[in-house]
């Protein structure tokens, strides 16, 4: 199963006020394990940042003015996403911005049906508690020491770790079914030798020794009584 963890940075908080995406970051997961494949781009929003947004991501208007337009990166982004499920924290926000960019270029928006909202997952598991990405990183002891400012790719990488914890934590080598991992000894990395099942029926001698033990140590065992 392939999933893509996605995060964005924007010029402001309100897509209806004309705010745009300035960075997109994606991390690939296969069977809930990061593959090392990522996708990232900065974008020219063709408008200025709000001060509050700049203080979050630190991307200057001058820097962003030199970046490609969304239309120049849209095909690469959609190719990376493919038909995989998309994991987003507070999906309503990022999806609104992403779909706004897609619609402006006459492209099909991403359906909410293919999106997993990690914020909704966290609220289901920790109702009434703080479930921001920062709070979840602290809860799961995710190392965020490299995060001086928000960045879409870095936040997607951190969210991937949080998401795996929300899904029960990654357990390397755990497999179900008849795949190669299922035939290996845990932690050994080597195939397990096939052996015949051991017999489980007691011999007559073992049954006699067991009866003698009961006679010495157990008074009137219930399993020896005749059914009524």
Protein backbone atom coordinates (compact mmCIF):
# COMPACT_ATOMS: atom_id res chain seq x y z
CA UNK A 1 0.00 0.00 0.00
CA UNK A 2 1.45 3.33 -1.07
CA UNK A 3 0.69 6.59 0.75
CA UNK A 4 2.04 10.11 0.35
CA UNK A 5 2.38 12.40 3.37
CA UNK A 6 1.88 16.00 2.20
CA UNK A 7 2.36 19.44 3.74
CA UNK A 8 2.19 22.99 2.41
CA UNK A 9 3.35 26.45 3.38
CA UNK A 10 1.25 29.43 2.28
CA UNK A 11 1.24 33.23 2.09
CA UNK A 12 -1.57 33.40 4.65
CA UNK A 13 -4.37 31.46 6.27
CA UNK A 14 -7.35 32.35 4.07
CA UNK A 15 -7.58 30.82 0.62
CA UNK A 16 -10.74 32.83 -0.06
CA UNK A 17 -8.75 36.03 0.44
CA UNK A 18 -6.44 35.04 -2.41
CA UNK A 19 -3.62 33.46 -0.43
CA UNK A 20 -1.46 30.96 -2.28
CA UNK A 21 0.91 28.06 -1.71
CA UNK A 22 4.63 28.87 -1.47
CA UNK A 23 5.99 25.38 -0.77
CA UNK A 24 4.82 21.77 -1.10
CA UNK A 25 6.59 18.80 0.47
CA UNK A 26 5.76 15.11 0.06
CA UNK A 27 7.09 11.90 1.62
CA UNK A 28 6.40 8.44 0.23
CA UNK A 29 5.33 5.55 2.47
CA UNK A 30 4.91 1.95 1.35
CA UNK A 31 3.18 -0.35 3.82
CA UNK A 32 3.64 2.37 6.47
CA UNK A 33 7.41 2.49 5.98
CA UNK A 34 9.21 5.56 4.56
CA UNK A 35 10.96 4.62 1.30
CA UNK A 36 13.29 7.62 1.21
CA UNK A 37 11.53 9.06 -1.85
CA UNK A 38 10.41 12.66 -1.40
CA UNK A 39 9.14 15.51 -3.58
CA UNK A 40 9.46 19.20 -2.81
CA UNK A 41 9.12 22.53 -4.55
CA UNK A 42 9.01 26.22 -3.72
CA UNK A 43 6.47 28.27 -5.67
CA UNK A 44 6.05 31.84 -6.79
CA UNK A 45 2.67 32.88 -5.35
CA UNK A 46 2.64 36.15 -7.33
CA UNK A 47 1.67 38.01 -4.18
CA UNK A 48 3.27 39.05 -0.91
CA UNK A 49 3.38 37.03 2.28
CA UNK A 50 1.47 38.15 5.31
CA UNK A 51 3.86 38.95 8.15
CA UNK A 52 2.48 36.11 10.29
CA UNK A 53 3.05 33.61 7.48
CA UNK A 54 6.61 34.81 6.90
CA UNK A 55 7.37 34.44 10.60
CA UNK A 56 6.27 30.80 10.34
CA UNK A 57 8.17 29.68 7.23
CA UNK A 58 10.79 32.42 6.74
CA UNK A 59 10.48 32.46 2.92
CA UNK A 60 11.00 36.02 1.71
CA UNK A 61 8.99 37.61 -1.10
CA UNK A 62 12.22 38.19 -3.03
CA UNK A 63 13.17 34.51 -2.80
CA UNK A 64 9.71 33.32 -3.81
CA UNK A 65 9.57 35.69 -6.79
CA UNK A 66 12.43 33.65 -8.34
CA UNK A 67 10.63 30.30 -7.96
CA UNK A 68 8.52 28.48 -10.58
CA UNK A 69 4.78 28.97 -10.87
CA UNK A 70 2.43 26.22 -9.73
CA UNK A 71 1.53 25.45 -13.35
CA UNK A 72 5.19 24.64 -14.02
CA UNK A 73 5.32 22.04 -11.24
CA UNK A 74 1.77 20.68 -11.28
CA UNK A 75 2.45 17.73 -13.61
CA UNK A 76 5.42 16.55 -11.52
CA UNK A 77 3.39 16.85 -8.33
CA UNK A 78 0.45 14.89 -9.71
CA UNK A 79 2.81 12.22 -11.04
CA UNK A 80 4.37 11.82 -7.59
CA UNK A 81 0.96 11.62 -5.93
CA UNK A 82 -0.33 9.12 -8.48
CA UNK A 83 -3.48 7.42 -7.22
CA UNK A 84 -2.08 6.90 -3.71
CA UNK A 85 -3.80 7.87 -0.51
CA UNK A 86 -2.64 11.23 0.82
CA UNK A 87 -1.96 11.89 4.50
CA UNK A 88 -2.35 15.50 5.67
CA UNK A 89 -2.53 17.03 9.14
CA UNK A 90 -5.59 19.29 9.30
CA UNK A 91 -6.45 18.21 5.77
CA UNK A 92 -9.21 20.76 5.27
CA UNK A 93 -6.65 23.59 5.24
CA UNK A 94 -4.01 22.13 2.92
CA UNK A 95 -6.53 20.50 0.60
CA UNK A 96 -8.39 23.78 0.11
CA UNK A 97 -5.16 25.49 -0.95
CA UNK A 98 -4.01 22.60 -3.15
CA UNK A 99 -7.35 22.29 -4.91
CA UNK A 100 -7.51 26.05 -5.42
CA UNK A 101 -4.19 25.89 -7.26
CA UNK A 102 -5.36 22.93 -9.35
CA UNK A 103 -8.65 24.58 -10.29
CA UNK A 104 -6.87 27.78 -11.32
CA UNK A 105 -4.96 25.70 -13.87
CA UNK A 106 -8.06 23.85 -15.06
CA UNK A 107 -6.95 20.60 -13.40
CA UNK A 108 -9.02 18.06 -11.51
CA UNK A 109 -9.07 18.71 -7.75
CA UNK A 110 -7.97 16.04 -5.29
CA UNK A 111 -10.96 14.22 -3.80
CA UNK A 112 -11.27 14.34 -0.05
CA UNK A 113 -12.20 10.65 -0.18
CA UNK A 114 -8.56 9.75 -0.87
CA UNK A 115 -7.19 11.85 2.01
CA UNK A 116 -6.41 10.62 5.52
CA UNK A 117 -6.53 13.46 8.05
CA UNK A 118 -4.01 12.69 10.79
CA UNK A 119 -5.58 15.42 12.94
CA UNK A 120 -8.88 13.52 12.90
CA UNK A 121 -7.01 10.32 13.78
CA UNK A 122 -5.31 12.05 16.71
CA UNK A 123 -8.57 13.54 17.98
CA UNK A 124 -10.14 10.10 17.91
CA UNK A 125 -7.32 8.63 19.97
CA UNK A 126 -6.73 11.60 22.29
CA UNK A 127 -10.05 13.41 22.63
CA UNK A 128 -9.93 16.70 24.47
CA UNK A 129 -6.13 16.90 24.29
CA UNK A 130 -3.80 19.08 22.24
CA UNK A 131 -3.37 17.41 18.87
CA UNK A 132 -1.37 19.90 16.83
CA UNK A 133 1.63 18.49 15.01
CA UNK A 134 3.90 20.05 17.65
CA UNK A 135 1.91 18.47 20.48
CA UNK A 136 1.94 15.06 18.81
CA UNK A 137 5.68 15.21 18.21
CA UNK A 138 6.17 15.81 21.93
CA UNK A 139 3.75 13.03 22.81
CA UNK A 140 5.53 10.52 20.58
CA UNK A 141 9.04 11.82 21.32
CA UNK A 142 9.70 12.68 17.66
CA UNK A 143 12.98 14.55 17.28
CA UNK A 144 12.26 18.00 15.86
CA UNK A 145 15.63 19.58 16.70
CA UNK A 146 16.25 20.44 13.02
CA UNK A 147 13.03 22.45 12.82
CA UNK A 148 14.07 26.05 13.41
CA UNK A 149 11.19 27.16 11.15
CA UNK A 150 8.31 25.40 9.47
CA UNK A 151 9.14 23.90 6.07
CA UNK A 152 6.78 21.79 3.97
CA UNK A 153 9.19 18.91 3.34
CA UNK A 154 10.57 18.84 6.88
CA UNK A 155 7.06 18.99 8.33
CA UNK A 156 5.95 16.18 5.99
CA UNK A 157 8.87 14.05 7.22
CA UNK A 158 7.96 14.77 10.85
CA UNK A 159 4.28 14.12 10.14
CA UNK A 160 5.18 10.77 8.59
CA UNK A 161 6.73 9.73 11.91
CA UNK A 162 3.71 10.97 13.85
CA UNK A 163 1.31 9.23 11.46
CA UNK A 164 3.09 5.90 11.88
CA UNK A 165 2.79 6.27 15.66
CA UNK A 166 -0.92 7.03 15.32
CA UNK A 167 -1.27 3.87 13.24
CA UNK A 168 0.33 1.79 15.98
CA UNK A 169 4.01 2.40 15.44
CA UNK A 170 6.28 0.83 12.85
CA UNK A 171 7.37 -2.70 13.70
CA UNK A 172 10.14 -3.67 11.31
CA UNK A 173 10.09 -7.31 10.28
CA UNK A 174 6.50 -7.91 11.39
CA UNK A 175 4.65 -9.65 8.60
CA UNK A 176 1.40 -11.54 8.15
CA UNK A 177 0.69 -14.16 5.55
CA UNK A 178 3.07 -16.25 3.50
CA UNK A 179 5.56 -13.62 2.30
CA UNK A 180 9.31 -13.91 2.73
CA UNK A 181 9.30 -12.12 6.10
CA UNK A 182 6.81 -14.64 7.45
CA UNK A 183 9.25 -17.52 6.91
CA UNK A 184 12.16 -15.91 8.70
CA UNK A 185 13.06 -16.18 12.36
CA UNK A 186 12.31 -12.88 14.12
CA UNK A 187 15.31 -10.58 13.86
CA UNK A 188 17.49 -13.17 12.14
CA UNK A 189 16.98 -12.22 8.51
CA UNK A 190 17.48 -15.92 7.65
CA UNK A 191 14.89 -18.43 6.37
CA UNK A 192 13.40 -20.63 9.07
CA UNK A 193 14.06 -24.35 8.66
CA UNK A 194 10.87 -26.31 7.97
CA UNK A 195 10.25 -29.06 10.55
CA UNK A 196 7.56 -31.65 11.10
CA UNK A 197 5.08 -30.84 13.86
CA UNK A 198 5.94 -32.49 17.19
CA UNK A 199 3.50 -35.17 18.43
CA UNK A 200 1.21 -33.96 21.21
CA UNK A 201 -0.57 -37.15 22.29
CA UNK A 202 0.60 -38.56 25.66
CA UNK A 203 2.09 -42.06 25.73
CA UNK A 204 0.64 -44.77 27.96
CA UNK A 205 3.63 -44.41 30.30
CA UNK A 206 3.08 -40.64 30.58
CA UNK A 207 -0.61 -41.12 31.33
CA UNK A 208 0.25 -43.64 34.09
CA UNK A 209 2.79 -41.29 35.66
CA UNK A 210 0.25 -38.45 35.55
CA UNK A 211 -2.38 -40.62 37.27
CA UNK A 212 0.09 -41.58 40.00
CA UNK A 213 0.92 -37.89 40.56
CA UNK A 214 -2.77 -37.06 40.98
CA UNK A 215 -3.22 -39.93 43.45
CA UNK A 216 -0.41 -38.52 45.60
CA UNK A 217 -1.18 -34.79 45.46
CA UNK A 218 -4.77 -34.11 44.42
CA UNK A 219 -7.82 -35.16 46.42
CA UNK A 220 -10.82 -36.09 44.28
CA UNK A 221 -9.94 -34.08 41.12
CA UNK A 222 -13.05 -32.85 39.41
CA UNK A 223 -11.97 -34.08 35.99
CA UNK A 224 -12.06 -37.69 37.27
CA UNK A 225 -15.68 -37.50 38.31
CA UNK A 226 -18.28 -39.18 36.12
CA UNK A 227 -20.62 -36.75 34.33
CA UNK A 228 -24.12 -36.55 35.79
